[in-house]
Amino acid sequence: MRDEGCDILEARVWLKEADGQVLIGERFRRADGRVTVTWHIDPKSIFGMMWFEPVGNETDASES
């Protein structure tokens, strides 16, 4: 289980579907600078357009 008290939430990962959008993960930066992603679904099952919604100082979402 993640100790989220030590990590900084940087972005939420969304999947665009026909009936809306679904939160599928969250990207965290650890105190040592490493980035981790906590997936709410199996990442192998992702098919379609997803994007990162910045949380905090950033203002633009990046699509991938």
Protein backbone atom coordinates (compact mmCIF):
# COMPACT_ATOMS: atom_id res chain seq x y z
CA MET A 1 0.00 0.00 0.00
CA ARG A 2 1.27 3.49 -0.89
CA ASP A 3 2.23 5.95 1.83
CA GLU A 4 0.69 8.95 0.07
CA GLY A 5 1.78 11.29 2.86
CA CYS A 6 5.33 11.26 1.44
CA ASP A 7 4.41 11.58 -2.25
CA ILE A 8 3.17 14.62 -4.14
CA LEU A 9 0.24 14.15 -6.50
CA GLU A 10 1.34 15.65 -9.86
CA ALA A 11 -1.37 14.54 -12.26
CA ARG A 12 -4.49 12.48 -12.74
CA VAL A 13 -4.69 10.10 -15.70
CA TRP A 14 -8.00 10.06 -17.59
CA LEU A 15 -9.39 7.84 -20.34
CA LYS A 16 -11.87 9.32 -22.80
CA GLU A 17 -14.82 7.04 -23.54
CA ALA A 18 -17.95 7.46 -25.65
CA ASP A 19 -20.09 8.30 -22.60
CA GLY A 20 -17.56 10.57 -20.86
CA GLN A 21 -14.24 10.30 -19.09
CA VAL A 22 -12.94 7.86 -16.49
CA LEU A 23 -10.17 8.39 -13.93
CA ILE A 24 -7.77 5.50 -14.49
CA GLY A 25 -4.68 6.50 -12.52
CA GLU A 26 -2.67 9.09 -10.62
CA ARG A 27 0.96 10.15 -11.07
CA PHE A 28 3.03 10.93 -7.96
CA ARG A 29 6.52 12.36 -7.45
CA ARG A 30 8.43 10.84 -4.55
CA ALA A 31 10.74 12.77 -2.23
CA ASP A 32 13.75 11.31 -4.10
CA GLY A 33 12.44 12.73 -7.42
CA ARG A 34 11.22 9.44 -8.89
CA VAL A 35 7.82 9.33 -10.56
CA THR A 36 5.30 6.57 -9.87
CA VAL A 37 1.83 5.89 -11.25
CA THR A 38 -0.94 4.26 -9.26
CA TRP A 39 -3.34 2.61 -11.72
CA HIS A 40 -7.02 2.14 -10.83
CA ILE A 41 -7.38 -0.38 -13.69
CA ASP A 42 -5.03 -2.86 -15.35
CA PRO A 43 -2.83 -0.67 -17.62
CA LYS A 44 -2.73 -3.49 -20.19
CA SER A 45 -6.47 -3.04 -20.69
CA ILE A 46 -6.19 0.64 -21.72
CA PHE A 47 -7.33 1.25 -25.28
CA GLY A 48 -8.12 4.72 -26.50
CA MET A 49 -7.14 8.30 -25.82
CA MET A 50 -5.83 9.15 -22.40
CA TRP A 51 -4.43 12.35 -20.95
CA PHE A 52 -2.74 13.67 -17.83
CA GLU A 53 -4.52 16.42 -15.94
CA PRO A 54 -1.88 18.42 -14.03
CA VAL A 55 -2.58 18.99 -10.35
CA GLY A 56 -0.93 21.99 -8.71
CA ASN A 57 1.25 24.53 -10.55
CA GLU A 58 0.82 23.31 -14.14
CA THR A 59 -2.13 24.59 -16.18
CA ASP A 60 -2.28 22.58 -19.44
CA ALA A 61 -3.30 18.94 -19.78
CA SER A 62 -1.17 16.88 -22.14
CA GLU A 63 -2.78 14.31 -24.39
CA SER A 64 -1.06 11.09 -25.35
